[in-house]
Amino acid sequence: MWLQLHAAQDLVYKLPTDNDALYRGDNEGYFMYCDRWFEGKHLQPWEAGSYGFTRNAKRIHNGKIICTKLHEGIDVKPIRRDAANEPLDEVRPIAPGVVAYTATSPGASNYGRYVVIAHEVPEGTVYSLYAHLRSINCEVGQRVGYEDVIGGLGYSGVGLNKVRAHCHLELCLMVHSEFHKFCPANNKHGLFNGHNLIGINAADILLKSRGNTPFSLAAYISNLPEHYRVRVPRKEDMPDFLKRYPFLYKGDWGKQSAALDIAFTAEGVPIAVYASDTAVAEPTVISCKPMPVFQPDCTANRLAGKSTNAHLTASGKTFINRFIWQEEPPAPTPQAAEQQ
């Protein structure tokens, strides 16, 4: 049954390349910078290659500088190049798994060439994604382990060049197993479109696994800070993502409720779901963390307003609807209705 947790063990996650600067506390040596022009100065902050709100710098009313653009992965620098400055680093899986998808056309998305690997853990299936590859050396359905080379670090994809070559790494939850049925018509990647994968902080997980320490997804997610909570209508069946990640639900599976309250981090990671007896006609923000800026700047433009009047933007509604979309059953034909 889908309510049962998978018979799997917590995994140890290891570095995707030979670059081990993360373990030495050398963030500048690990994360690939972005070029940034800010207040007349050209900067190359390594922070832009880390996870979270790390891009599009903005000075706010109290003089502090914040970043408003979300980066769902981490960008790992190469440590080997040839005489022409081409990167030579090999990319390997961060944990054992099965290759779920390979995107071989470099121009089909901002990810360029990328590989997605599925990993079975007690909480369900998580996915690691390796983007901007110069080459792909694996096939869908192939079982891979720590030592297998799945591709070469590169700079395929929009807006990259040889100097900023890197491996963009994400560890993700899948939003919906039928994403291809309601996604945009120009989707070229089926279930493994980036909009259907929610990234969590891969650097955190690599550090927590250092020394061959198994990583617990449930323990990690339960300690992430809640930023906002959205109440959604509950239909007869549970949403697809809860069936896949039942550890998120904090209610009684056998008890019906009028609605569900989904708690998210600022980055959009679902961290808990609660039953509610208060019905809503459409997704509604019911709580939001106070911030010194308007909510679009700290929620990837999914919320608008201040914490006291926060509400979903158009893109926020699209984001929430990806979690709760359910295909309506076909209306019975007159003949079928008579048979019932």
C-alpha atoms as a PDB file:
ATOM      1  CA  MET A   1       0.000   0.000   0.000  1.00  0.00           C
ATOM      2  CA  TRP A   2       1.106   3.564  -0.668  1.00  0.00           C
ATOM      3  CA  LEU A   3       0.832   4.465   3.003  1.00  0.00           C
ATOM      4  CA  GLN A   4       3.628   2.106   3.913  1.00  0.00           C
ATOM      5  CA  LEU A   5       7.116   3.561   3.998  1.00  0.00           C
ATOM      6  CA  HIS A   6       9.605   2.036   1.597  1.00  0.00           C
ATOM      7  CA  ALA A   7      11.744  -0.833   2.875  1.00  0.00           C
ATOM      8  CA  ALA A   8      14.884   1.230   2.381  1.00  0.00           C
ATOM      9  CA  GLN A   9      17.684   2.591   4.506  1.00  0.00           C
ATOM     10  CA  ASP A  10      18.974   6.101   5.075  1.00  0.00           C
ATOM     11  CA  LEU A  11      21.728   6.831   2.567  1.00  0.00           C
ATOM     12  CA  VAL A  12      25.166   8.356   2.862  1.00  0.00           C
ATOM     13  CA  TYR A  13      25.596  11.175   0.341  1.00  0.00           C
ATOM     14  CA  LYS A  14      29.067  11.837  -1.050  1.00  0.00           C
ATOM     15  CA  LEU A  15      30.644  14.604  -3.104  1.00  0.00           C
ATOM     16  CA  PRO A  16      29.786  14.542  -6.833  1.00  0.00           C
ATOM     17  CA  THR A  17      33.314  15.412  -8.005  1.00  0.00           C
ATOM     18  CA  ASP A  18      36.870  15.323  -6.657  1.00  0.00           C
ATOM     19  CA  ASN A  19      36.479  18.876  -5.356  1.00  0.00           C
ATOM     20  CA  ASP A  20      36.516  18.434  -1.560  1.00  0.00           C
ATOM     21  CA  ALA A  21      36.878  22.103  -0.588  1.00  0.00           C
ATOM     22  CA  LEU A  22      33.426  21.964   1.046  1.00  0.00           C
ATOM     23  CA  TYR A  23      34.762  19.542   3.650  1.00  0.00           C
ATOM     24  CA  ARG A  24      37.681  21.881   4.366  1.00  0.00           C
ATOM     25  CA  GLY A  25      35.430  24.887   4.946  1.00  0.00           C
ATOM     26  CA  ASP A  26      36.756  26.540   1.778  1.00  0.00           C
ATOM     27  CA  ASN A  27      33.476  27.798   0.332  1.00  0.00           C
ATOM     28  CA  GLU A  28      35.182  30.018  -2.225  1.00  0.00           C
ATOM     29  CA  GLY A  29      37.083  26.991  -3.505  1.00  0.00           C
ATOM     30  CA  TYR A  30      33.907  24.885  -3.756  1.00  0.00           C
ATOM     31  CA  PHE A  31      31.076  27.086  -5.050  1.00  0.00           C
ATOM     32  CA  MET A  32      31.273  28.661  -8.498  1.00  0.00           C
ATOM     33  CA  TYR A  33      30.760  32.423  -8.361  1.00  0.00           C
ATOM     34  CA  CYS A  34      28.370  34.511 -10.465  1.00  0.00           C
ATOM     35  CA  ASP A  35      29.335  37.823 -12.023  1.00  0.00           C
ATOM     36  CA  ARG A  36      27.367  40.557 -10.296  1.00  0.00           C
ATOM     37  CA  TRP A  37      27.175  44.282 -10.949  1.00  0.00           C
ATOM     38  CA  PHE A  38      25.880  46.004  -7.830  1.00  0.00           C
ATOM     39  CA  GLU A  39      25.924  49.709  -7.041  1.00  0.00           C
ATOM     40  CA  GLY A  40      28.547  50.328  -9.696  1.00  0.00           C
ATOM     41  CA  LYS A  41      30.882  47.534  -8.608  1.00  0.00           C
ATOM     42  CA  HIS A  42      31.717  44.260 -10.329  1.00  0.00           C
ATOM     43  CA  LEU A  43      31.605  41.393  -7.829  1.00  0.00           C
ATOM     44  CA  GLN A  44      32.106  37.631  -8.075  1.00  0.00           C
ATOM     45  CA  PRO A  45      30.544  36.275  -4.869  1.00  0.00           C
ATOM     46  CA  TRP A  46      30.904  32.541  -4.219  1.00  0.00           C
ATOM     47  CA  GLU A  47      27.629  32.743  -2.272  1.00  0.00           C
ATOM     48  CA  ALA A  48      25.783  32.951  -5.611  1.00  0.00           C
ATOM     49  CA  GLY A  49      26.764  29.324  -6.206  1.00  0.00           C
ATOM     50  CA  SER A  50      25.282  28.115  -2.931  1.00  0.00           C
ATOM     51  CA  TYR A  51      21.685  27.161  -2.159  1.00  0.00           C
ATOM     52  CA  GLY A  52      18.873  29.570  -1.348  1.00  0.00           C
ATOM     53  CA  PHE A  53      18.230  33.248  -2.014  1.00  0.00           C
ATOM     54  CA  THR A  54      21.714  34.030  -3.267  1.00  0.00           C
ATOM     55  CA  ARG A  55      21.205  36.100  -6.431  1.00  0.00           C
ATOM     56  CA  ASN A  56      19.787  39.474  -7.562  1.00  0.00           C
ATOM     57  CA  ALA A  57      21.211  41.668  -4.805  1.00  0.00           C
ATOM     58  CA  LYS A  58      19.080  44.524  -3.482  1.00  0.00           C
ATOM     59  CA  ARG A  59      19.653  47.112  -0.758  1.00  0.00           C
ATOM     60  CA  ILE A  60      16.581  47.538   1.443  1.00  0.00           C
ATOM     61  CA  HIS A  61      15.304  50.414   3.573  1.00  0.00           C
ATOM     62  CA  ASN A  62      17.448  49.626   6.632  1.00  0.00           C
ATOM     63  CA  GLY A  63      20.632  49.585   4.576  1.00  0.00           C
ATOM     64  CA  LYS A  64      21.056  45.817   4.537  1.00  0.00           C
ATOM     65  CA  ILE A  65      21.681  43.936   1.319  1.00  0.00           C
ATOM     66  CA  ILE A  66      19.467  40.969   0.511  1.00  0.00           C
ATOM     67  CA  CYS A  67      19.224  38.620  -2.465  1.00  0.00           C
ATOM     68  CA  THR A  68      15.821  37.955  -3.956  1.00  0.00           C
ATOM     69  CA  LYS A  69      16.402  35.229  -6.569  1.00  0.00           C
ATOM     70  CA  LEU A  70      16.215  31.582  -5.504  1.00  0.00           C
ATOM     71  CA  HIS A  71      18.941  29.109  -6.494  1.00  0.00           C
ATOM     72  CA  GLU A  72      17.649  25.589  -5.802  1.00  0.00           C
ATOM     73  CA  GLY A  73      20.953  23.810  -6.243  1.00  0.00           C
ATOM     74  CA  ILE A  74      24.645  24.248  -5.591  1.00  0.00           C
ATOM     75  CA  ASP A  75      27.292  24.978  -8.246  1.00  0.00           C
ATOM     76  CA  VAL A  76      30.474  22.927  -7.802  1.00  0.00           C
ATOM     77  CA  LYS A  77      33.693  24.375  -9.234  1.00  0.00           C
ATOM     78  CA  PRO A  78      36.015  22.294 -11.396  1.00  0.00           C
ATOM     79  CA  ILE A  79      39.487  21.596 -10.062  1.00  0.00           C
ATOM     80  CA  ARG A  80      41.082  20.260 -13.261  1.00  0.00           C
ATOM     81  CA  ARG A  81      41.350  21.936 -16.670  1.00  0.00           C
ATOM     82  CA  ASP A  82      43.356  21.285 -19.829  1.00  0.00           C
ATOM     83  CA  ALA A  83      45.634  23.700 -21.694  1.00  0.00           C
ATOM     84  CA  ALA A  84      42.611  25.239 -23.422  1.00  0.00           C
ATOM     85  CA  ASN A  85      40.922  25.810 -20.016  1.00  0.00           C
ATOM     86  CA  GLU A  86      38.322  23.121 -20.691  1.00  0.00           C
ATOM     87  CA  PRO A  87      37.110  21.429 -17.456  1.00  0.00           C
ATOM     88  CA  LEU A  88      38.155  17.794 -17.008  1.00  0.00           C
ATOM     89  CA  ASP A  89      36.350  16.850 -13.782  1.00  0.00           C
ATOM     90  CA  GLU A  90      34.267  13.684 -13.747  1.00  0.00           C
ATOM     91  CA  VAL A  91      30.793  13.702 -12.165  1.00  0.00           C
ATOM     92  CA  ARG A  92      29.608  10.770 -10.051  1.00  0.00           C
ATOM     93  CA  PRO A  93      26.362   9.978  -8.181  1.00  0.00           C
ATOM     94  CA  ILE A  94      26.122  11.362  -4.667  1.00  0.00           C
ATOM     95  CA  ALA A  95      24.412   8.107  -3.590  1.00  0.00           C
ATOM     96  CA  PRO A  96      23.498   4.738  -5.124  1.00  0.00           C
ATOM     97  CA  GLY A  97      20.414   4.796  -7.296  1.00  0.00           C
ATOM     98  CA  VAL A  98      18.878   4.259 -10.713  1.00  0.00           C
ATOM     99  CA  VAL A  99      19.213   6.680 -13.620  1.00  0.00           C
ATOM    100  CA  ALA A 100      15.704   8.059 -14.093  1.00  0.00           C
ATOM    101  CA  TYR A 101      16.293  10.579 -16.877  1.00  0.00           C
ATOM    102  CA  THR A 102      18.970  11.937 -19.200  1.00  0.00           C
ATOM    103  CA  ALA A 103      18.599  15.211 -21.093  1.00  0.00           C
ATOM    104  CA  THR A 104      21.054  14.988 -23.983  1.00  0.00           C
ATOM    105  CA  SER A 105      20.091  18.143 -25.884  1.00  0.00           C
ATOM    106  CA  PRO A 106      22.065  21.097 -24.433  1.00  0.00           C
ATOM    107  CA  GLY A 107      19.581  23.684 -25.693  1.00  0.00           C
ATOM    108  CA  ALA A 108      16.375  22.118 -24.375  1.00  0.00           C
ATOM    109  CA  SER A 109      16.515  23.863 -20.974  1.00  0.00           C
ATOM    110  CA  ASN A 110      18.619  26.151 -18.794  1.00  0.00           C
ATOM    111  CA  TYR A 111      20.088  22.990 -17.260  1.00  0.00           C
ATOM    112  CA  GLY A 112      21.794  22.085 -20.551  1.00  0.00           C
ATOM    113  CA  ARG A 113      22.701  18.411 -20.543  1.00  0.00           C
ATOM    114  CA  TYR A 114      21.572  16.839 -17.297  1.00  0.00           C
ATOM    115  CA  VAL A 115      21.046  13.549 -15.519  1.00  0.00           C
ATOM    116  CA  VAL A 116      18.478  12.671 -12.834  1.00  0.00           C
ATOM    117  CA  ILE A 117      19.034   9.712 -10.479  1.00  0.00           C
ATOM    118  CA  ALA A 118      16.315   8.201  -8.272  1.00  0.00           C
ATOM    119  CA  HIS A 119      17.272   7.123  -4.747  1.00  0.00           C
ATOM    120  CA  GLU A 120      15.068   4.982  -2.524  1.00  0.00           C
ATOM    121  CA  VAL A 121      15.010   6.111   1.129  1.00  0.00           C
ATOM    122  CA  PRO A 122      12.632   5.268   4.004  1.00  0.00           C
ATOM    123  CA  GLU A 123      10.555   8.390   3.284  1.00  0.00           C
ATOM    124  CA  GLY A 124      10.021   7.618  -0.409  1.00  0.00           C
ATOM    125  CA  THR A 125      12.047   8.417  -3.526  1.00  0.00           C
ATOM    126  CA  VAL A 126      14.344  11.423  -3.757  1.00  0.00           C
ATOM    127  CA  TYR A 127      16.096  12.596  -6.886  1.00  0.00           C
ATOM    128  CA  SER A 128      19.562  13.992  -7.487  1.00  0.00           C
ATOM    129  CA  LEU A 129      20.087  16.167 -10.546  1.00  0.00           C
ATOM    130  CA  TYR A 130      23.432  16.957 -12.241  1.00  0.00           C
ATOM    131  CA  ALA A 131      23.307  19.787 -14.783  1.00  0.00           C
ATOM    132  CA  HIS A 132      25.473  21.682 -17.310  1.00  0.00           C
ATOM    133  CA  LEU A 133      27.313  18.486 -18.217  1.00  0.00           C
ATOM    134  CA  ARG A 134      29.721  18.422 -21.168  1.00  0.00           C
ATOM    135  CA  SER A 135      28.900  14.744 -21.712  1.00  0.00           C
ATOM    136  CA  ILE A 136      26.582  12.033 -20.382  1.00  0.00           C
ATOM    137  CA  ASN A 137      27.949   8.545 -19.742  1.00  0.00           C
ATOM    138  CA  CYS A 138      24.894   6.689 -18.417  1.00  0.00           C
ATOM    139  CA  GLU A 139      21.523   5.421 -19.590  1.00  0.00           C
ATOM    140  CA  VAL A 140      18.000   5.449 -18.175  1.00  0.00           C
ATOM    141  CA  GLY A 141      17.404   2.363 -16.030  1.00  0.00           C
ATOM    142  CA  GLN A 142      21.088   1.875 -15.236  1.00  0.00           C
ATOM    143  CA  ARG A 143      21.974   1.205 -11.590  1.00  0.00           C
ATOM    144  CA  VAL A 144      24.819   3.435 -10.481  1.00  0.00           C
ATOM    145  CA  GLY A 145      26.966   3.778  -7.372  1.00  0.00           C
ATOM    146  CA  TYR A 146      29.466   6.178  -5.867  1.00  0.00           C
ATOM    147  CA  GLU A 147      32.335   5.289  -8.214  1.00  0.00           C
ATOM    148  CA  ASP A 148      30.427   5.319 -11.499  1.00  0.00           C
ATOM    149  CA  VAL A 149      31.096   8.243 -13.824  1.00  0.00           C
ATOM    150  CA  ILE A 150      27.744   9.536 -15.084  1.00  0.00           C
ATOM    151  CA  GLY A 151      29.108  12.491 -17.029  1.00  0.00           C
ATOM    152  CA  GLY A 152      31.683  15.225 -17.373  1.00  0.00           C
ATOM    153  CA  LEU A 153      31.498  18.624 -15.702  1.00  0.00           C
ATOM    154  CA  GLY A 154      30.854  21.314 -18.288  1.00  0.00           C
ATOM    155  CA  TYR A 155      29.055  24.503 -19.221  1.00  0.00           C
ATOM    156  CA  SER A 156      26.090  23.445 -21.364  1.00  0.00           C
ATOM    157  CA  GLY A 157      22.914  25.485 -20.918  1.00  0.00           C
ATOM    158  CA  VAL A 158      21.895  29.118 -21.206  1.00  0.00           C
ATOM    159  CA  GLY A 159      24.203  31.885 -19.978  1.00  0.00           C
ATOM    160  CA  LEU A 160      27.286  29.799 -19.180  1.00  0.00           C
ATOM    161  CA  ASN A 161      30.804  29.931 -20.547  1.00  0.00           C
ATOM    162  CA  LYS A 162      34.024  27.982 -20.168  1.00  0.00           C
ATOM    163  CA  VAL A 163      35.303  30.170 -17.336  1.00  0.00           C
ATOM    164  CA  ARG A 164      32.218  29.516 -15.197  1.00  0.00           C
ATOM    165  CA  ALA A 165      31.972  25.788 -15.958  1.00  0.00           C
ATOM    166  CA  HIS A 166      30.493  23.879 -13.018  1.00  0.00           C
ATOM    167  CA  CYS A 167      28.284  20.997 -11.947  1.00  0.00           C
ATOM    168  CA  HIS A 168      24.902  22.243 -10.804  1.00  0.00           C
ATOM    169  CA  LEU A 169      23.711  19.719  -8.201  1.00  0.00           C
ATOM    170  CA  GLU A 170      20.239  19.410  -6.697  1.00  0.00           C
ATOM    171  CA  LEU A 171      18.669  16.922  -4.304  1.00  0.00           C
ATOM    172  CA  CYS A 172      14.932  17.053  -4.840  1.00  0.00           C
ATOM    173  CA  LEU A 173      11.442  15.958  -3.930  1.00  0.00           C
ATOM    174  CA  MET A 174       9.078  15.317  -6.836  1.00  0.00           C
ATOM    175  CA  VAL A 175       5.922  17.438  -6.812  1.00  0.00           C
ATOM    176  CA  HIS A 176       3.542  15.335  -8.920  1.00  0.00           C
ATOM    177  CA  SER A 177       3.807  11.957 -10.651  1.00  0.00           C
ATOM    178  CA  GLU A 178       1.423  13.113 -13.413  1.00  0.00           C
ATOM    179  CA  PHE A 179       3.045  16.478 -14.054  1.00  0.00           C
ATOM    180  CA  HIS A 180       3.145  15.759 -17.771  1.00  0.00           C
ATOM    181  CA  LYS A 181      -0.682  15.858 -17.858  1.00  0.00           C
ATOM    182  CA  PHE A 182      -1.063  19.469 -16.733  1.00  0.00           C
ATOM    183  CA  CYS A 183       2.333  21.075 -17.311  1.00  0.00           C
ATOM    184  CA  PRO A 184       3.037  23.711 -19.997  1.00  0.00           C
ATOM    185  CA  ALA A 185       2.758  22.507 -23.576  1.00  0.00           C
ATOM    186  CA  ASN A 186       6.426  23.303 -24.261  1.00  0.00           C
ATOM    187  CA  ASN A 187       7.660  20.902 -21.562  1.00  0.00           C
ATOM    188  CA  LYS A 188      10.399  18.757 -23.120  1.00  0.00           C
ATOM    189  CA  HIS A 189      11.373  16.790 -20.020  1.00  0.00           C
ATOM    190  CA  GLY A 190       8.214  15.080 -18.777  1.00  0.00           C
ATOM    191  CA  LEU A 191       8.285  14.394 -15.031  1.00  0.00           C
ATOM    192  CA  PHE A 192      11.866  15.625 -14.777  1.00  0.00           C
ATOM    193  CA  ASN A 193      11.184  19.220 -15.691  1.00  0.00           C
ATOM    194  CA  GLY A 194      12.756  21.491 -13.067  1.00  0.00           C
ATOM    195  CA  HIS A 195       9.318  22.851 -12.131  1.00  0.00           C
ATOM    196  CA  ASN A 196       8.356  19.375 -10.908  1.00  0.00           C
ATOM    197  CA  LEU A 197      11.410  18.984  -8.664  1.00  0.00           C
ATOM    198  CA  ILE A 198      11.768  20.913  -5.391  1.00  0.00           C
ATOM    199  CA  GLY A 199      15.392  21.282  -4.332  1.00  0.00           C
ATOM    200  CA  ILE A 200      16.605  21.095  -0.757  1.00  0.00           C
ATOM    201  CA  ASN A 201      20.060  22.248   0.369  1.00  0.00           C
ATOM    202  CA  ALA A 202      22.444  19.691  -1.134  1.00  0.00           C
ATOM    203  CA  ALA A 203      25.458  21.214   0.640  1.00  0.00           C
ATOM    204  CA  ASP A 204      23.787  20.670   4.029  1.00  0.00           C
ATOM    205  CA  ILE A 205      23.207  17.029   3.174  1.00  0.00           C
ATOM    206  CA  LEU A 206      26.745  16.449   1.936  1.00  0.00           C
ATOM    207  CA  LEU A 207      28.125  17.939   5.152  1.00  0.00           C
ATOM    208  CA  LYS A 208      25.763  15.966   7.372  1.00  0.00           C
ATOM    209  CA  SER A 209      26.825  12.746   5.617  1.00  0.00           C
ATOM    210  CA  ARG A 210      30.533  13.446   6.015  1.00  0.00           C
ATOM    211  CA  GLY A 211      32.299  10.570   7.708  1.00  0.00           C
ATOM    212  CA  ASN A 212      29.829   8.020   6.257  1.00  0.00           C
ATOM    213  CA  THR A 213      26.960   9.217   8.446  1.00  0.00           C
ATOM    214  CA  PRO A 214      23.560   8.119   7.052  1.00  0.00           C
ATOM    215  CA  PHE A 215      21.265  11.065   6.363  1.00  0.00           C
ATOM    216  CA  SER A 216      17.637  11.071   7.518  1.00  0.00           C
ATOM    217  CA  LEU A 217      15.418  13.091   5.188  1.00  0.00           C
ATOM    218  CA  ALA A 218      12.513  13.131   7.664  1.00  0.00           C
ATOM    219  CA  ALA A 219      14.698  14.409  10.518  1.00  0.00           C
ATOM    220  CA  TYR A 220      16.236  17.089   8.304  1.00  0.00           C
ATOM    221  CA  ILE A 221      12.956  18.379   6.857  1.00  0.00           C
ATOM    222  CA  SER A 222      11.262  18.421  10.272  1.00  0.00           C
ATOM    223  CA  ASN A 223      13.889  20.944  11.429  1.00  0.00           C
ATOM    224  CA  LEU A 224      13.605  23.327   8.485  1.00  0.00           C
ATOM    225  CA  PRO A 225      12.034  26.692   9.383  1.00  0.00           C
ATOM    226  CA  GLU A 226       8.447  27.307   8.329  1.00  0.00           C
ATOM    227  CA  HIS A 227       7.901  30.530   6.416  1.00  0.00           C
ATOM    228  CA  TYR A 228       4.289  30.288   5.274  1.00  0.00           C
ATOM    229  CA  ARG A 229       1.308  27.980   5.402  1.00  0.00           C
ATOM    230  CA  VAL A 230      -1.334  27.508   2.709  1.00  0.00           C
ATOM    231  CA  ARG A 231      -4.773  25.974   3.258  1.00  0.00           C
ATOM    232  CA  VAL A 232      -6.000  23.982   0.263  1.00  0.00           C
ATOM    233  CA  PRO A 233      -9.296  22.209  -0.461  1.00  0.00           C
ATOM    234  CA  ARG A 234      -9.176  18.497   0.260  1.00  0.00           C
ATOM    235  CA  LYS A 235     -10.771  16.148  -2.202  1.00  0.00           C
ATOM    236  CA  GLU A 236     -11.685  12.558  -1.472  1.00  0.00           C
ATOM    237  CA  ASP A 237      -8.201  11.327  -2.272  1.00  0.00           C
ATOM    238  CA  MET A 238      -4.958  12.583  -0.748  1.00  0.00           C
ATOM    239  CA  PRO A 239      -2.738  14.745  -2.992  1.00  0.00           C
ATOM    240  CA  ASP A 240      -0.202  12.883  -5.060  1.00  0.00           C
ATOM    241  CA  PHE A 241       2.849  14.234  -3.211  1.00  0.00           C
ATOM    242  CA  LEU A 242       1.508  13.020   0.137  1.00  0.00           C
ATOM    243  CA  LYS A 243       1.076   9.529  -1.226  1.00  0.00           C
ATOM    244  CA  ARG A 244       4.706   9.627  -2.294  1.00  0.00           C
ATOM    245  CA  TYR A 245       6.000  11.271   0.909  1.00  0.00           C
ATOM    246  CA  PRO A 246       3.543  10.184   3.641  1.00  0.00           C
ATOM    247  CA  PHE A 247       5.965  11.206   6.407  1.00  0.00           C
ATOM    248  CA  LEU A 248       4.936  14.818   5.749  1.00  0.00           C
ATOM    249  CA  TYR A 249       1.356  14.257   6.932  1.00  0.00           C
ATOM    250  CA  LYS A 250       0.798  14.971  10.638  1.00  0.00           C
ATOM    251  CA  GLY A 251      -2.855  13.912  10.759  1.00  0.00           C
ATOM    252  CA  ASP A 252      -4.890  10.730  10.966  1.00  0.00           C
ATOM    253  CA  TRP A 253      -4.891   9.027   7.566  1.00  0.00           C
ATOM    254  CA  GLY A 254      -8.256   7.431   8.241  1.00  0.00           C
ATOM    255  CA  LYS A 255     -10.038  10.653   9.135  1.00  0.00           C
ATOM    256  CA  GLN A 256     -11.551  12.917   6.496  1.00  0.00           C
ATOM    257  CA  SER A 257     -11.105  16.697   6.774  1.00  0.00           C
ATOM    258  CA  ALA A 258     -12.424  19.716   4.907  1.00  0.00           C
ATOM    259  CA  ALA A 259      -8.989  21.051   3.974  1.00  0.00           C
ATOM    260  CA  LEU A 260      -5.255  20.543   4.299  1.00  0.00           C
ATOM    261  CA  ASP A 261      -2.715  23.059   5.591  1.00  0.00           C
ATOM    262  CA  ILE A 262       0.657  22.781   3.835  1.00  0.00           C
ATOM    263  CA  ALA A 263       3.653  24.365   5.571  1.00  0.00           C
ATOM    264  CA  PHE A 264       6.525  25.576   3.370  1.00  0.00           C
ATOM    265  CA  THR A 265       9.982  27.001   3.827  1.00  0.00           C
ATOM    266  CA  ALA A 266      10.688  30.332   2.142  1.00  0.00           C
ATOM    267  CA  GLU A 267      12.302  28.351  -0.683  1.00  0.00           C
ATOM    268  CA  GLY A 268       9.108  26.353  -1.253  1.00  0.00           C
ATOM    269  CA  VAL A 269      10.070  23.047   0.359  1.00  0.00           C
ATOM    270  CA  PRO A 270       6.973  21.367   1.888  1.00  0.00           C
ATOM    271  CA  ILE A 271       7.852  20.444   5.471  1.00  0.00           C
ATOM    272  CA  ALA A 272       4.529  19.338   6.998  1.00  0.00           C
ATOM    273  CA  VAL A 273       0.846  18.903   6.172  1.00  0.00           C
ATOM    274  CA  TYR A 274      -1.986  19.184   8.714  1.00  0.00           C
ATOM    275  CA  ALA A 275      -5.688  18.419   8.561  1.00  0.00           C
ATOM    276  CA  SER A 276      -8.096  21.346   8.889  1.00  0.00           C
ATOM    277  CA  ASP A 277     -11.851  21.424   9.485  1.00  0.00           C
ATOM    278  CA  THR A 278     -12.143  24.878   7.910  1.00  0.00           C
ATOM    279  CA  ALA A 279     -13.148  24.591   4.278  1.00  0.00           C
ATOM    280  CA  VAL A 280     -11.716  26.858   1.571  1.00  0.00           C
ATOM    281  CA  ALA A 281     -12.767  27.243  -2.031  1.00  0.00           C
ATOM    282  CA  GLU A 282      -9.220  27.815  -3.280  1.00  0.00           C
ATOM    283  CA  PRO A 283      -5.658  27.808  -1.899  1.00  0.00           C
ATOM    284  CA  THR A 284      -5.379  30.492   0.779  1.00  0.00           C
ATOM    285  CA  VAL A 285      -2.382  31.749   2.777  1.00  0.00           C
ATOM    286  CA  ILE A 286      -3.256  31.395   6.479  1.00  0.00           C
ATOM    287  CA  SER A 287       0.058  32.358   8.101  1.00  0.00           C
ATOM    288  CA  CYS A 288       3.338  33.968   7.082  1.00  0.00           C
ATOM    289  CA  LYS A 289       6.577  34.841   8.864  1.00  0.00           C
ATOM    290  CA  PRO A 290       7.127  38.595   9.388  1.00  0.00           C
ATOM    291  CA  MET A 291       9.975  39.949   7.252  1.00  0.00           C
ATOM    292  CA  PRO A 292      11.600  43.379   6.801  1.00  0.00           C
ATOM    293  CA  VAL A 293      10.773  43.225   3.081  1.00  0.00           C
ATOM    294  CA  PHE A 294       7.698  42.487   1.018  1.00  0.00           C
ATOM    295  CA  GLN A 295       7.007  38.785   0.612  1.00  0.00           C
ATOM    296  CA  PRO A 296       7.804  38.517  -3.140  1.00  0.00           C
ATOM    297  CA  ASP A 297      11.459  39.231  -2.294  1.00  0.00           C
ATOM    298  CA  CYS A 298      11.766  36.283   0.088  1.00  0.00           C
ATOM    299  CA  THR A 299       9.422  33.655  -1.397  1.00  0.00           C
ATOM    300  CA  ALA A 300      10.549  33.531  -5.050  1.00  0.00           C
ATOM    301  CA  ASN A 301       7.560  35.765  -5.902  1.00  0.00           C
ATOM    302  CA  ARG A 302       5.058  33.134  -4.750  1.00  0.00           C
ATOM    303  CA  LEU A 303       3.563  35.398  -2.073  1.00  0.00           C
ATOM    304  CA  ALA A 304       2.624  39.065  -2.274  1.00  0.00           C
ATOM    305  CA  GLY A 305       2.061  41.705   0.398  1.00  0.00           C
ATOM    306  CA  LYS A 306       3.333  41.772   3.962  1.00  0.00           C
ATOM    307  CA  SER A 307       3.043  39.005   6.547  1.00  0.00           C
ATOM    308  CA  THR A 308      -0.224  40.468   7.836  1.00  0.00           C
ATOM    309  CA  ASN A 309      -1.936  40.343   4.439  1.00  0.00           C
ATOM    310  CA  ALA A 310       0.151  37.828   2.509  1.00  0.00           C
ATOM    311  CA  HIS A 311      -1.559  36.170  -0.423  1.00  0.00           C
ATOM    312  CA  LEU A 312      -0.581  34.014  -3.367  1.00  0.00           C
ATOM    313  CA  THR A 313       0.645  35.649  -6.540  1.00  0.00           C
ATOM    314  CA  ALA A 314      -0.289  34.211  -9.934  1.00  0.00           C
ATOM    315  CA  SER A 315       2.952  32.206  -9.940  1.00  0.00           C
ATOM    316  CA  GLY A 316       2.265  31.187  -6.333  1.00  0.00           C
ATOM    317  CA  LYS A 317      -1.128  29.799  -7.314  1.00  0.00           C
ATOM    318  CA  THR A 318       0.488  27.838 -10.128  1.00  0.00           C
ATOM    319  CA  PHE A 319       3.086  26.521  -7.698  1.00  0.00           C
ATOM    320  CA  ILE A 320       0.491  25.343  -5.144  1.00  0.00           C
ATOM    321  CA  ASN A 321      -1.766  23.858  -7.801  1.00  0.00           C
ATOM    322  CA  ARG A 322       1.090  21.610  -8.933  1.00  0.00           C
ATOM    323  CA  PHE A 323       0.960  19.970  -5.505  1.00  0.00           C
ATOM    324  CA  ILE A 324      -2.785  19.461  -5.308  1.00  0.00           C
ATOM    325  CA  TRP A 325      -3.810  18.851  -8.926  1.00  0.00           C
ATOM    326  CA  GLN A 326      -6.061  15.839  -9.326  1.00  0.00           C
ATOM    327  CA  GLU A 327      -7.555  14.597 -12.553  1.00  0.00           C
ATOM    328  CA  GLU A 328     -11.335  14.750 -12.443  1.00  0.00           C
ATOM    329  CA  PRO A 329     -12.990  11.389 -13.086  1.00  0.00           C
ATOM    330  CA  PRO A 330     -14.972  11.292 -16.350  1.00  0.00           C
ATOM    331  CA  ALA A 331     -18.694  11.927 -16.028  1.00  0.00           C
ATOM    332  CA  PRO A 332     -20.650   8.667 -16.286  1.00  0.00           C
ATOM    333  CA  THR A 333     -22.502   8.048 -19.528  1.00  0.00           C
ATOM    334  CA  PRO A 334     -26.319   7.677 -19.230  1.00  0.00           C
ATOM    335  CA  GLN A 335     -25.969   3.947 -19.771  1.00  0.00           C
ATOM    336  CA  ALA A 336     -23.312   3.678 -17.049  1.00  0.00           C
ATOM    337  CA  ALA A 337     -25.470   5.742 -14.716  1.00  0.00           C
ATOM    338  CA  GLU A 338     -28.371   3.340 -15.221  1.00  0.00           C
ATOM    339  CA  GLN A 339     -26.136   0.375 -14.435  1.00  0.00           C
ATOM    340  CA  GLN A 340     -25.081   2.023 -11.168  1.00  0.00           C
END
